[in-house]
Amino acid sequence: MQIKYINTSRSLVVSIDGEIDHHSAADYRKAIDDEFLKTKAVNIIFDFSKLNFMDSSGIGLIMGRYKLISPVKGRVILAGVSPQLDRLISISGIYKIADWAKNINEALAKLQESEVVKNG
């Protein structure tokens, strides 16, 4: 399991290197939830730029984190999604609950823009 975190003021960036499958999903779920609950984050950005495989367990992982942040009106953004992963995510309908960004910087910019609009 290769996972790294970056905690910004309101967002937790979760970078996963490797694979998300039925063997690893439960470990990732617990690790992400534990880290999220330690922070004051509202949003979760998944950096999938180093993810080389994900099955339907990964879809469940994303949906579960969405349910975790929904009560605090947070957002999920998927960054660095490969064309193969994009196909799985599109078919699953995850883009109805999660935004897409080219990379972490674009994801953070989207969140910042929405804060300006909301508070503007």
PDB file of N, CA and C in Angstrom:
ATOM      1  N   MET A   1       0.852  -1.182   0.000  1.00  0.00           N
ATOM      2  CA  MET A   1       0.000   0.000   0.000  1.00  0.00           C
ATOM      3  C   MET A   1       0.886   1.229   0.000  1.00  0.00           C
ATOM      4  N   GLN A   2       0.760   2.028  -1.030  1.00  0.00           N
ATOM      5  CA  GLN A   2       1.524   3.258  -1.152  1.00  0.00           C
ATOM      6  C   GLN A   2       0.550   4.426  -1.171  1.00  0.00           C
ATOM      7  N   ILE A   3       0.552   5.190  -0.093  1.00  0.00           N
ATOM      8  CA  ILE A   3      -0.369   6.315   0.020  1.00  0.00           C
ATOM      9  C   ILE A   3       0.357   7.481   0.676  1.00  0.00           C
ATOM     10  N   LYS A   4       0.139   8.679   0.133  1.00  0.00           N
ATOM     11  CA  LYS A   4       0.737   9.892   0.691  1.00  0.00           C
ATOM     12  C   LYS A   4      -0.366  10.931   0.845  1.00  0.00           C
ATOM     13  N   TYR A   5      -0.181  11.795   1.834  1.00  0.00           N
ATOM     14  CA  TYR A   5      -1.174  12.832   2.105  1.00  0.00           C
ATOM     15  C   TYR A   5      -0.530  14.206   2.066  1.00  0.00           C
ATOM     16  N   ILE A   6      -1.301  15.158   1.588  1.00  0.00           N
ATOM     17  CA  ILE A   6      -0.960  16.573   1.721  1.00  0.00           C
ATOM     18  C   ILE A   6      -2.198  17.212   2.330  1.00  0.00           C
ATOM     19  N   ASN A   7      -2.011  17.907   3.440  1.00  0.00           N
ATOM     20  CA  ASN A   7      -3.138  18.540   4.106  1.00  0.00           C
ATOM     21  C   ASN A   7      -3.046  20.047   3.894  1.00  0.00           C
ATOM     22  N   THR A   8      -3.989  20.585   3.121  1.00  0.00           N
ATOM     23  CA  THR A   8      -4.073  22.030   2.969  1.00  0.00           C
ATOM     24  C   THR A   8      -5.064  22.530   4.010  1.00  0.00           C
ATOM     25  N   SER A   9      -5.365  23.793   3.996  1.00  0.00           N
ATOM     26  CA  SER A   9      -6.236  24.344   5.033  1.00  0.00           C
ATOM     27  C   SER A   9      -7.615  23.689   5.072  1.00  0.00           C
ATOM     28  N   ARG A  10      -8.187  23.376   3.913  1.00  0.00           N
ATOM     29  CA  ARG A  10      -9.536  22.808   3.890  1.00  0.00           C
ATOM     30  C   ARG A  10      -9.636  21.515   3.080  1.00  0.00           C
ATOM     31  N   SER A  11      -8.509  21.037   2.574  1.00  0.00           N
ATOM     32  CA  SER A  11      -8.544  19.867   1.707  1.00  0.00           C
ATOM     33  C   SER A  11      -7.467  18.861   2.074  1.00  0.00           C
ATOM     34  N   LEU A  12      -7.818  17.598   1.931  1.00  0.00           N
ATOM     35  CA  LEU A  12      -6.872  16.513   2.102  1.00  0.00           C
ATOM     36  C   LEU A  12      -6.602  15.938   0.721  1.00  0.00           C
ATOM     37  N   VAL A  13      -5.331  15.996   0.301  1.00  0.00           N
ATOM     38  CA  VAL A  13      -4.925  15.402  -0.969  1.00  0.00           C
ATOM     39  C   VAL A  13      -4.418  13.997  -0.670  1.00  0.00           C
ATOM     40  N   VAL A  14      -4.998  13.021  -1.347  1.00  0.00           N
ATOM     41  CA  VAL A  14      -4.651  11.617  -1.145  1.00  0.00           C
ATOM     42  C   VAL A  14      -4.030  11.104  -2.441  1.00  0.00           C
ATOM     43  N   SER A  15      -2.727  10.807  -2.391  1.00  0.00           N
ATOM     44  CA  SER A  15      -2.023  10.283  -3.565  1.00  0.00           C
ATOM     45  C   SER A  15      -1.821   8.780  -3.386  1.00  0.00           C
ATOM     46  N   ILE A  16      -2.323   8.025  -4.331  1.00  0.00           N
ATOM     47  CA  ILE A  16      -2.219   6.571  -4.267  1.00  0.00           C
ATOM     48  C   ILE A  16      -1.340   6.098  -5.420  1.00  0.00           C
ATOM     49  N   ASP A  17      -0.330   5.327  -5.068  1.00  0.00           N
ATOM     50  CA  ASP A  17       0.622   4.797  -6.033  1.00  0.00           C
ATOM     51  C   ASP A  17       0.424   3.285  -6.096  1.00  0.00           C
ATOM     52  N   GLY A  18       0.083   2.768  -7.254  1.00  0.00           N
ATOM     53  CA  GLY A  18      -0.087   1.323  -7.379  1.00  0.00           C
ATOM     54  C   GLY A  18      -1.469   0.941  -7.853  1.00  0.00           C
ATOM     55  N   GLU A  19      -2.159   0.136  -7.054  1.00  0.00           N
ATOM     56  CA  GLU A  19      -3.459  -0.416  -7.445  1.00  0.00           C
ATOM     57  C   GLU A  19      -4.484  -0.291  -6.328  1.00  0.00           C
ATOM     58  N   ILE A  20      -5.737  -0.169  -6.738  1.00  0.00           N
ATOM     59  CA  ILE A  20      -6.854  -0.287  -5.799  1.00  0.00           C
ATOM     60  C   ILE A  20      -7.700  -1.453  -6.305  1.00  0.00           C
ATOM     61  N   ASP A  21      -7.729  -2.510  -5.515  1.00  0.00           N
ATOM     62  CA  ASP A  21      -8.547  -3.661  -5.863  1.00  0.00           C
ATOM     63  C   ASP A  21      -9.209  -4.192  -4.600  1.00  0.00           C
ATOM     64  N   HIS A  22      -9.909  -5.291  -4.720  1.00  0.00           N
ATOM     65  CA  HIS A  22     -10.655  -5.789  -3.558  1.00  0.00           C
ATOM     66  C   HIS A  22      -9.722  -6.193  -2.414  1.00  0.00           C
ATOM     67  N   HIS A  23      -8.451  -6.459  -2.695  1.00  0.00           N
ATOM     68  CA  HIS A  23      -7.498  -6.807  -1.637  1.00  0.00           C
ATOM     69  C   HIS A  23      -7.032  -5.581  -0.856  1.00  0.00           C
ATOM     70  N   SER A  24      -6.899  -4.444  -1.544  1.00  0.00           N
ATOM     71  CA  SER A  24      -6.327  -3.255  -0.911  1.00  0.00           C
ATOM     72  C   SER A  24      -7.356  -2.199  -0.503  1.00  0.00           C
ATOM     73  N   ALA A  25      -8.560  -2.260  -1.040  1.00  0.00           N
ATOM     74  CA  ALA A  25      -9.543  -1.190  -0.828  1.00  0.00           C
ATOM     75  C   ALA A  25      -9.873  -0.959   0.644  1.00  0.00           C
ATOM     76  N   ALA A  26     -10.037  -2.001   1.411  1.00  0.00           N
ATOM     77  CA  ALA A  26     -10.376  -1.837   2.834  1.00  0.00           C
ATOM     78  C   ALA A  26      -9.251  -1.138   3.593  1.00  0.00           C
ATOM     79  N   ASP A  27      -8.003  -1.475   3.284  1.00  0.00           N
ATOM     80  CA  ASP A  27      -6.865  -0.816   3.933  1.00  0.00           C
ATOM     81  C   ASP A  27      -6.798   0.660   3.556  1.00  0.00           C
ATOM     82  N   TYR A  28      -6.994   0.954   2.266  1.00  0.00           N
ATOM     83  CA  TYR A  28      -7.009   2.350   1.829  1.00  0.00           C
ATOM     84  C   TYR A  28      -8.140   3.120   2.512  1.00  0.00           C
ATOM     85  N   ARG A  29      -9.306   2.509   2.562  1.00  0.00           N
ATOM     86  CA  ARG A  29     -10.483   3.142   3.169  1.00  0.00           C
ATOM     87  C   ARG A  29     -10.193   3.539   4.614  1.00  0.00           C
ATOM     88  N   LYS A  30      -9.664   2.620   5.382  1.00  0.00           N
ATOM     89  CA  LYS A  30      -9.365   2.897   6.788  1.00  0.00           C
ATOM     90  C   LYS A  30      -8.298   3.978   6.925  1.00  0.00           C
ATOM     91  N   ALA A  31      -7.236   3.869   6.130  1.00  0.00           N
ATOM     92  CA  ALA A  31      -6.146   4.844   6.210  1.00  0.00           C
ATOM     93  C   ALA A  31      -6.626   6.254   5.843  1.00  0.00           C
ATOM     94  N   ILE A  32      -7.408   6.364   4.792  1.00  0.00           N
ATOM     95  CA  ILE A  32      -7.913   7.676   4.359  1.00  0.00           C
ATOM     96  C   ILE A  32      -8.870   8.255   5.393  1.00  0.00           C
ATOM     97  N   ASP A  33      -9.785   7.438   5.884  1.00  0.00           N
ATOM     98  CA  ASP A  33     -10.738   7.913   6.891  1.00  0.00           C
ATOM     99  C   ASP A  33     -10.018   8.366   8.156  1.00  0.00           C
ATOM    100  N   ASP A  34      -9.032   7.597   8.609  1.00  0.00           N
ATOM    101  CA  ASP A  34      -8.276   7.975   9.811  1.00  0.00           C
ATOM    102  C   ASP A  34      -7.573   9.309   9.604  1.00  0.00           C
ATOM    103  N   GLU A  35      -6.944   9.485   8.447  1.00  0.00           N
ATOM    104  CA  GLU A  35      -6.233  10.740   8.164  1.00  0.00           C
ATOM    105  C   GLU A  35      -7.221  11.901   8.055  1.00  0.00           C
ATOM    106  N   PHE A  36      -8.334  11.673   7.368  1.00  0.00           N
ATOM    107  CA  PHE A  36      -9.337  12.727   7.198  1.00  0.00           C
ATOM    108  C   PHE A  36      -9.877  13.200   8.548  1.00  0.00           C
ATOM    109  N   LEU A  37     -10.159  12.268   9.429  1.00  0.00           N
ATOM    110  CA  LEU A  37     -10.731  12.614  10.729  1.00  0.00           C
ATOM    111  C   LEU A  37      -9.722  13.338  11.627  1.00  0.00           C
ATOM    112  N   LYS A  38      -8.425  13.177  11.358  1.00  0.00           N
ATOM    113  CA  LYS A  38      -7.395  13.892  12.124  1.00  0.00           C
ATOM    114  C   LYS A  38      -7.250  15.339  11.669  1.00  0.00           C
ATOM    115  N   THR A  39      -7.714  15.645  10.473  1.00  0.00           N
ATOM    116  CA  THR A  39      -7.538  16.978   9.898  1.00  0.00           C
ATOM    117  C   THR A  39      -8.798  17.806  10.077  1.00  0.00           C
ATOM    118  N   LYS A  40      -8.713  19.038   9.658  1.00  0.00           N
ATOM    119  CA  LYS A  40      -9.886  19.906   9.626  1.00  0.00           C
ATOM    120  C   LYS A  40     -10.364  20.069   8.184  1.00  0.00           C
ATOM    121  N   ALA A  41     -10.019  19.115   7.349  1.00  0.00           N
ATOM    122  CA  ALA A  41     -10.360  19.170   5.930  1.00  0.00           C
ATOM    123  C   ALA A  41     -11.864  19.019   5.717  1.00  0.00           C
ATOM    124  N   VAL A  42     -12.308  19.599   4.630  1.00  0.00           N
ATOM    125  CA  VAL A  42     -13.695  19.499   4.207  1.00  0.00           C
ATOM    126  C   VAL A  42     -13.765  18.741   2.875  1.00  0.00           C
ATOM    127  N   ASN A  43     -12.725  18.899   2.078  1.00  0.00           N
ATOM    128  CA  ASN A  43     -12.670  18.325   0.733  1.00  0.00           C
ATOM    129  C   ASN A  43     -11.618  17.220   0.671  1.00  0.00           C
ATOM    130  N   ILE A  44     -11.813  16.303  -0.280  1.00  0.00           N
ATOM    131  CA  ILE A  44     -10.816  15.273  -0.547  1.00  0.00           C
ATOM    132  C   ILE A  44     -10.473  15.326  -2.033  1.00  0.00           C
ATOM    133  N   ILE A  45      -9.179  15.434  -2.311  1.00  0.00           N
ATOM    134  CA  ILE A  45      -8.679  15.366  -3.679  1.00  0.00           C
ATOM    135  C   ILE A  45      -7.922  14.047  -3.801  1.00  0.00           C
ATOM    136  N   PHE A  46      -8.358  13.206  -4.711  1.00  0.00           N
ATOM    137  CA  PHE A  46      -7.636  11.968  -4.994  1.00  0.00           C
ATOM    138  C   PHE A  46      -6.673  12.230  -6.138  1.00  0.00           C
ATOM    139  N   ASP A  47      -5.389  12.037  -5.911  1.00  0.00           N
ATOM    140  CA  ASP A  47      -4.382  12.135  -6.964  1.00  0.00           C
ATOM    141  C   ASP A  47      -4.152  10.728  -7.492  1.00  0.00           C
ATOM    142  N   PHE A  48      -4.678  10.463  -8.679  1.00  0.00           N
ATOM    143  CA  PHE A  48      -4.577   9.143  -9.290  1.00  0.00           C
ATOM    144  C   PHE A  48      -3.503   9.095 -10.378  1.00  0.00           C
ATOM    145  N   SER A  49      -2.616  10.080 -10.410  1.00  0.00           N
ATOM    146  CA  SER A  49      -1.610  10.143 -11.473  1.00  0.00           C
ATOM    147  C   SER A  49      -0.645   8.958 -11.447  1.00  0.00           C
ATOM    148  N   LYS A  50      -0.482   8.298 -10.303  1.00  0.00           N
ATOM    149  CA  LYS A  50       0.411   7.139 -10.209  1.00  0.00           C
ATOM    150  C   LYS A  50      -0.354   5.838  -9.993  1.00  0.00           C
ATOM    151  N   LEU A  51      -1.651   5.897 -10.180  1.00  0.00           N
ATOM    152  CA  LEU A  51      -2.478   4.698 -10.032  1.00  0.00           C
ATOM    153  C   LEU A  51      -2.460   3.944 -11.354  1.00  0.00           C
ATOM    154  N   ASN A  52      -2.063   2.665 -11.325  1.00  0.00           N
ATOM    155  CA  ASN A  52      -2.013   1.933 -12.580  1.00  0.00           C
ATOM    156  C   ASN A  52      -3.121   0.894 -12.739  1.00  0.00           C
ATOM    157  N   PHE A  53      -3.956   0.709 -11.708  1.00  0.00           N
ATOM    158  CA  PHE A  53      -5.094  -0.190 -11.835  1.00  0.00           C
ATOM    159  C   PHE A  53      -6.119   0.127 -10.753  1.00  0.00           C
ATOM    160  N   MET A  54      -7.389   0.067 -11.146  1.00  0.00           N
ATOM    161  CA  MET A  54      -8.475   0.196 -10.178  1.00  0.00           C
ATOM    162  C   MET A  54      -9.648  -0.625 -10.683  1.00  0.00           C
ATOM    163  N   ASP A  55     -10.253  -1.400  -9.782  1.00  0.00           N
ATOM    164  CA  ASP A  55     -11.463  -2.132 -10.146  1.00  0.00           C
ATOM    165  C   ASP A  55     -12.655  -1.483  -9.446  1.00  0.00           C
ATOM    166  N   SER A  56     -13.773  -2.163  -9.415  1.00  0.00           N
ATOM    167  CA  SER A  56     -14.985  -1.582  -8.825  1.00  0.00           C
ATOM    168  C   SER A  56     -14.834  -1.279  -7.337  1.00  0.00           C
ATOM    169  N   SER A  57     -13.891  -1.907  -6.679  1.00  0.00           N
ATOM    170  CA  SER A  57     -13.639  -1.593  -5.266  1.00  0.00           C
ATOM    171  C   SER A  57     -13.187  -0.141  -5.099  1.00  0.00           C
ATOM    172  N   GLY A  58     -12.474   0.354  -6.091  1.00  0.00           N
ATOM    173  CA  GLY A  58     -12.054   1.753  -6.078  1.00  0.00           C
ATOM    174  C   GLY A  58     -13.233   2.704  -6.214  1.00  0.00           C
ATOM    175  N   ILE A  59     -14.222   2.297  -7.002  1.00  0.00           N
ATOM    176  CA  ILE A  59     -15.439   3.105  -7.133  1.00  0.00           C
ATOM    177  C   ILE A  59     -16.128   3.197  -5.769  1.00  0.00           C
ATOM    178  N   GLY A  60     -16.200   2.072  -5.069  1.00  0.00           N
ATOM    179  CA  GLY A  60     -16.777   2.064  -3.724  1.00  0.00           C
ATOM    180  C   GLY A  60     -15.977   2.936  -2.765  1.00  0.00           C
ATOM    181  N   LEU A  61     -14.661   2.930  -2.903  1.00  0.00           N
ATOM    182  CA  LEU A  61     -13.799   3.770  -2.078  1.00  0.00           C
ATOM    183  C   LEU A  61     -14.130   5.246  -2.275  1.00  0.00           C
ATOM    184  N   ILE A  62     -14.265   5.657  -3.522  1.00  0.00           N
ATOM    185  CA  ILE A  62     -14.588   7.056  -3.825  1.00  0.00           C
ATOM    186  C   ILE A  62     -15.974   7.404  -3.277  1.00  0.00           C
ATOM    187  N   MET A  63     -16.955   6.539  -3.519  1.00  0.00           N
ATOM    188  CA  MET A  63     -18.319   6.804  -3.052  1.00  0.00           C
ATOM    189  C   MET A  63     -18.378   6.914  -1.531  1.00  0.00           C
ATOM    190  N   GLY A  64     -17.656   6.064  -0.847  1.00  0.00           N
ATOM    191  CA  GLY A  64     -17.646   6.104   0.616  1.00  0.00           C
ATOM    192  C   GLY A  64     -17.039   7.388   1.153  1.00  0.00           C
ATOM    193  N   ARG A  65     -15.986   7.889   0.503  1.00  0.00           N
ATOM    194  CA  ARG A  65     -15.378   9.149   0.953  1.00  0.00           C
ATOM    195  C   ARG A  65     -16.318  10.314   0.635  1.00  0.00           C
ATOM    196  N   TYR A  66     -17.065  10.217  -0.456  1.00  0.00           N
ATOM    197  CA  TYR A  66     -18.068  11.238  -0.756  1.00  0.00           C
ATOM    198  C   TYR A  66     -19.116  11.292   0.361  1.00  0.00           C
ATOM    199  N   LYS A  67     -19.569  10.124   0.800  1.00  0.00           N
ATOM    200  CA  LYS A  67     -20.549  10.080   1.892  1.00  0.00           C
ATOM    201  C   LYS A  67     -19.973  10.624   3.192  1.00  0.00           C
ATOM    202  N   LEU A  68     -18.666  10.449   3.385  1.00  0.00           N
ATOM    203  CA  LEU A  68     -17.996  10.955   4.577  1.00  0.00           C
ATOM    204  C   LEU A  68     -17.986  12.482   4.612  1.00  0.00           C
ATOM    205  N   ILE A  69     -17.780  13.111   3.460  1.00  0.00           N
ATOM    206  CA  ILE A  69     -17.671  14.580   3.437  1.00  0.00           C
ATOM    207  C   ILE A  69     -18.989  15.285   3.149  1.00  0.00           C
ATOM    208  N   SER A  70     -19.986  14.576   2.684  1.00  0.00           N
ATOM    209  CA  SER A  70     -21.273  15.203   2.360  1.00  0.00           C
ATOM    210  C   SER A  70     -21.884  15.988   3.517  1.00  0.00           C
ATOM    211  N   PRO A  71     -21.854  15.469   4.744  1.00  0.00           N
ATOM    212  CA  PRO A  71     -22.456  16.234   5.849  1.00  0.00           C
ATOM    213  C   PRO A  71     -21.806  17.597   6.093  1.00  0.00           C
ATOM    214  N   VAL A  72     -20.542  17.763   5.684  1.00  0.00           N
ATOM    215  CA  VAL A  72     -19.871  19.053   5.884  1.00  0.00           C
ATOM    216  C   VAL A  72     -19.825  19.855   4.580  1.00  0.00           C
ATOM    217  N   LYS A  73     -20.643  19.432   3.601  1.00  0.00           N
ATOM    218  CA  LYS A  73     -20.749  20.113   2.301  1.00  0.00           C
ATOM    219  C   LYS A  73     -19.415  20.153   1.562  1.00  0.00           C
ATOM    220  N   GLY A  74     -18.614  19.090   1.725  1.00  0.00           N
ATOM    221  CA  GLY A  74     -17.326  19.003   1.053  1.00  0.00           C
ATOM    222  C   GLY A  74     -17.455  18.498  -0.371  1.00  0.00           C
ATOM    223  N   ARG A  75     -16.330  18.531  -1.067  1.00  0.00           N
ATOM    224  CA  ARG A  75     -16.288  18.071  -2.455  1.00  0.00           C
ATOM    225  C   ARG A  75     -15.194  17.024  -2.623  1.00  0.00           C
ATOM    226  N   VAL A  76     -15.415  16.131  -3.561  1.00  0.00           N
ATOM    227  CA  VAL A  76     -14.410  15.163  -3.975  1.00  0.00           C
ATOM    228  C   VAL A  76     -13.961  15.556  -5.376  1.00  0.00           C
ATOM    229  N   ILE A  77     -12.643  15.617  -5.569  1.00  0.00           N
ATOM    230  CA  ILE A  77     -12.093  15.888  -6.893  1.00  0.00           C
ATOM    231  C   ILE A  77     -11.101  14.780  -7.222  1.00  0.00           C
ATOM    232  N   LEU A  78     -11.195  14.268  -8.439  1.00  0.00           N
ATOM    233  CA  LEU A  78     -10.291  13.241  -8.927  1.00  0.00           C
ATOM    234  C   LEU A  78      -9.295  13.895  -9.876  1.00  0.00           C
ATOM    235  N   ALA A  79      -8.022  13.818  -9.538  1.00  0.00           N
ATOM    236  CA  ALA A  79      -6.976  14.461 -10.341  1.00  0.00           C
ATOM    237  C   ALA A  79      -6.054  13.408 -10.942  1.00  0.00           C
ATOM    238  N   GLY A  80      -5.509  13.737 -12.115  1.00  0.00           N
ATOM    239  CA  GLY A  80      -4.543  12.848 -12.747  1.00  0.00           C
ATOM    240  C   GLY A  80      -5.111  11.524 -13.201  1.00  0.00           C
ATOM    241  N   VAL A  81      -6.338  11.539 -13.666  1.00  0.00           N
ATOM    242  CA  VAL A  81      -7.027  10.315 -14.078  1.00  0.00           C
ATOM    243  C   VAL A  81      -6.557   9.901 -15.479  1.00  0.00           C
ATOM    244  N   SER A  82      -6.083   8.673 -15.606  1.00  0.00           N
ATOM    245  CA  SER A  82      -5.644   8.149 -16.909  1.00  0.00           C
ATOM    246  C   SER A  82      -6.855   7.888 -17.800  1.00  0.00           C
ATOM    247  N   PRO A  83      -6.647   7.775 -19.116  1.00  0.00           N
ATOM    248  CA  PRO A  83      -7.773   7.474 -20.010  1.00  0.00           C
ATOM    249  C   PRO A  83      -8.487   6.167 -19.650  1.00  0.00           C
ATOM    250  N   GLN A  84      -7.739   5.134 -19.245  1.00  0.00           N
ATOM    251  CA  GLN A  84      -8.360   3.858 -18.887  1.00  0.00           C
ATOM    252  C   GLN A  84      -9.213   4.007 -17.626  1.00  0.00           C
ATOM    253  N   LEU A  85      -8.684   4.706 -16.638  1.00  0.00           N
ATOM    254  CA  LEU A  85      -9.417   4.936 -15.398  1.00  0.00           C
ATOM    255  C   LEU A  85     -10.627   5.838 -15.642  1.00  0.00           C
ATOM    256  N   ASP A  86     -10.454   6.815 -16.520  1.00  0.00           N
ATOM    257  CA  ASP A  86     -11.556   7.721 -16.855  1.00  0.00           C
ATOM    258  C   ASP A  86     -12.744   6.940 -17.412  1.00  0.00           C
ATOM    259  N   ARG A  87     -12.463   5.930 -18.210  1.00  0.00           N
ATOM    260  CA  ARG A  87     -13.542   5.116 -18.789  1.00  0.00           C
ATOM    261  C   ARG A  87     -14.335   4.416 -17.684  1.00  0.00           C
ATOM    262  N   LEU A  88     -13.639   3.794 -16.725  1.00  0.00           N
ATOM    263  CA  LEU A  88     -14.306   3.110 -15.609  1.00  0.00           C
ATOM    264  C   LEU A  88     -15.121   4.101 -14.780  1.00  0.00           C
ATOM    265  N   ILE A  89     -14.536   5.240 -14.491  1.00  0.00           N
ATOM    266  CA  ILE A  89     -15.217   6.245 -13.669  1.00  0.00           C
ATOM    267  C   ILE A  89     -16.440   6.796 -14.396  1.00  0.00           C
ATOM    268  N   SER A  90     -16.298   7.055 -15.682  1.00  0.00           N
ATOM    269  CA  SER A  90     -17.429   7.571 -16.465  1.00  0.00           C
ATOM    270  C   SER A  90     -18.585   6.585 -16.491  1.00  0.00           C
ATOM    271  N   ILE A  91     -18.277   5.325 -16.759  1.00  0.00           N
ATOM    272  CA  ILE A  91     -19.317   4.292 -16.823  1.00  0.00           C
ATOM    273  C   ILE A  91     -20.028   4.151 -15.475  1.00  0.00           C
ATOM    274  N   SER A  92     -19.276   4.289 -14.392  1.00  0.00           N
ATOM    275  CA  SER A  92     -19.845   4.099 -13.050  1.00  0.00           C
ATOM    276  C   SER A  92     -20.753   5.245 -12.614  1.00  0.00           C
ATOM    277  N   GLY A  93     -20.620   6.397 -13.259  1.00  0.00           N
ATOM    278  CA  GLY A  93     -21.420   7.558 -12.864  1.00  0.00           C
ATOM    279  C   GLY A  93     -20.805   8.377 -11.738  1.00  0.00           C
ATOM    280  N   ILE A  94     -19.575   8.088 -11.360  1.00  0.00           N
ATOM    281  CA  ILE A  94     -18.913   8.807 -10.262  1.00  0.00           C
ATOM    282  C   ILE A  94     -18.787  10.301 -10.545  1.00  0.00           C
ATOM    283  N   TYR A  95     -18.673  10.673 -11.817  1.00  0.00           N
ATOM    284  CA  TYR A  95     -18.538  12.103 -12.124  1.00  0.00           C
ATOM    285  C   TYR A  95     -19.796  12.903 -11.767  1.00  0.00           C
ATOM    286  N   LYS A  96     -20.869  12.237 -11.412  1.00  0.00           N
ATOM    287  CA  LYS A  96     -22.051  12.955 -10.925  1.00  0.00           C
ATOM    288  C   LYS A  96     -21.839  13.463  -9.499  1.00  0.00           C
ATOM    289  N   ILE A  97     -20.920  12.822  -8.759  1.00  0.00           N
ATOM    290  CA  ILE A  97     -20.668  13.228  -7.371  1.00  0.00           C
ATOM    291  C   ILE A  97     -19.252  13.758  -7.151  1.00  0.00           C
ATOM    292  N   ALA A  98     -18.384  13.572  -8.132  1.00  0.00           N
ATOM    293  CA  ALA A  98     -16.995  14.003  -8.001  1.00  0.00           C
ATOM    294  C   ALA A  98     -16.592  14.808  -9.230  1.00  0.00           C
ATOM    295  N   ASP A  99     -15.793  15.837  -9.004  1.00  0.00           N
ATOM    296  CA  ASP A  99     -15.264  16.639 -10.106  1.00  0.00           C
ATOM    297  C   ASP A  99     -13.985  16.014 -10.633  1.00  0.00           C
ATOM    298  N   TRP A 100     -13.518  16.532 -11.767  1.00  0.00           N
ATOM    299  CA  TRP A 100     -12.320  16.038 -12.420  1.00  0.00           C
ATOM    300  C   TRP A 100     -11.355  17.195 -12.590  1.00  0.00           C
ATOM    301  N   ALA A 101     -10.064  16.912 -12.436  1.00  0.00           N
ATOM    302  CA  ALA A 101      -9.029  17.926 -12.676  1.00  0.00           C
ATOM    303  C   ALA A 101      -7.814  17.249 -13.298  1.00  0.00           C
ATOM    304  N   LYS A 102      -7.057  18.011 -14.094  1.00  0.00           N
ATOM    305  CA  LYS A 102      -5.861  17.458 -14.733  1.00  0.00           C
ATOM    306  C   LYS A 102      -4.818  17.043 -13.704  1.00  0.00           C
ATOM    307  N   ASN A 103      -4.688  17.848 -12.644  1.00  0.00           N
ATOM    308  CA  ASN A 103      -3.658  17.597 -11.632  1.00  0.00           C
ATOM    309  C   ASN A 103      -4.079  18.226 -10.308  1.00  0.00           C
ATOM    310  N   ILE A 104      -3.240  18.075  -9.300  1.00  0.00           N
ATOM    311  CA  ILE A 104      -3.564  18.589  -7.962  1.00  0.00           C
ATOM    312  C   ILE A 104      -3.727  20.109  -7.978  1.00  0.00           C
ATOM    313  N   ASN A 105      -2.837  20.801  -8.673  1.00  0.00           N
ATOM    314  CA  ASN A 105      -2.922  22.270  -8.701  1.00  0.00           C
ATOM    315  C   ASN A 105      -4.236  22.752  -9.301  1.00  0.00           C
ATOM    316  N   GLU A 106      -4.687  22.100 -10.366  1.00  0.00           N
ATOM    317  CA  GLU A 106      -5.972  22.477 -10.962  1.00  0.00           C
ATOM    318  C   GLU A 106      -7.117  22.174 -10.000  1.00  0.00           C
ATOM    319  N   ALA A 107      -7.032  21.059  -9.290  1.00  0.00           N
ATOM    320  CA  ALA A 107      -8.068  20.706  -8.317  1.00  0.00           C
ATOM    321  C   ALA A 107      -8.150  21.748  -7.208  1.00  0.00           C
ATOM    322  N   LEU A 108      -7.003  22.145  -6.690  1.00  0.00           N
ATOM    323  CA  LEU A 108      -6.981  23.172  -5.633  1.00  0.00           C
ATOM    324  C   LEU A 108      -7.514  24.497  -6.152  1.00  0.00           C
ATOM    325  N   ALA A 109      -7.192  24.837  -7.405  1.00  0.00           N
ATOM    326  CA  ALA A 109      -7.705  26.069  -8.002  1.00  0.00           C
ATOM    327  C   ALA A 109      -9.225  26.031  -8.133  1.00  0.00           C
ATOM    328  N   LYS A 110      -9.769  24.883  -8.515  1.00  0.00           N
ATOM    329  CA  LYS A 110     -11.234  24.751  -8.613  1.00  0.00           C
ATOM    330  C   LYS A 110     -11.888  24.982  -7.256  1.00  0.00           C
ATOM    331  N   LEU A 111     -11.291  24.426  -6.218  1.00  0.00           N
ATOM    332  CA  LEU A 111     -11.847  24.611  -4.875  1.00  0.00           C
ATOM    333  C   LEU A 111     -11.759  26.065  -4.449  1.00  0.00           C
ATOM    334  N   GLN A 112     -10.649  26.693  -4.759  1.00  0.00           N
ATOM    335  CA  GLN A 112     -10.473  28.103  -4.404  1.00  0.00           C
ATOM    336  C   GLN A 112     -11.482  28.983  -5.148  1.00  0.00           C
ATOM    337  N   GLU A 113     -11.694  28.698  -6.435  1.00  0.00           N
ATOM    338  CA  GLU A 113     -12.668  29.449  -7.227  1.00  0.00           C
ATOM    339  C   GLU A 113     -14.066  29.313  -6.631  1.00  0.00           C
ATOM    340  N   SER A 114     -14.437  28.102  -6.243  1.00  0.00           N
ATOM    341  CA  SER A 114     -15.771  27.899  -5.688  1.00  0.00           C
ATOM    342  C   SER A 114     -15.933  28.617  -4.348  1.00  0.00           C
ATOM    343  N   GLU A 115     -14.863  28.711  -3.572  1.00  0.00           N
ATOM    344  CA  GLU A 115     -14.918  29.453  -2.307  1.00  0.00           C
ATOM    345  C   GLU A 115     -15.123  30.939  -2.555  1.00  0.00           C
ATOM    346  N   VAL A 116     -14.444  31.480  -3.589  1.00  0.00           N
ATOM    347  CA  VAL A 116     -14.581  32.895  -3.930  1.00  0.00           C
ATOM    348  C   VAL A 116     -16.007  33.176  -4.355  1.00  0.00           C
ATOM    349  N   VAL A 117     -16.561  32.316  -5.210  1.00  0.00           N
ATOM    350  CA  VAL A 117     -17.941  32.485  -5.681  1.00  0.00           C
ATOM    351  C   VAL A 117     -18.910  32.391  -4.519  1.00  0.00           C
ATOM    352  N   LYS A 118     -18.698  31.406  -3.649  1.00  0.00           N
ATOM    353  CA  LYS A 118     -19.605  31.189  -2.518  1.00  0.00           C
ATOM    354  C   LYS A 118     -19.549  32.366  -1.526  1.00  0.00           C
ATOM    355  N   ASN A 119     -18.356  32.884  -1.297  1.00  0.00           N
ATOM    356  CA  ASN A 119     -18.195  33.959  -0.323  1.00  0.00           C
ATOM    357  C   ASN A 119     -18.251  35.346  -0.944  1.00  0.00           C
ATOM    358  N   GLY A 120     -18.233  35.399  -2.295  1.00  0.00           N
ATOM    359  CA  GLY A 120     -18.152  36.632  -3.040  1.00  0.00           C
ATOM    360  C   GLY A 120     -19.258  37.555  -2.772  1.00  0.00           C
TER     361      GLY A 120
END
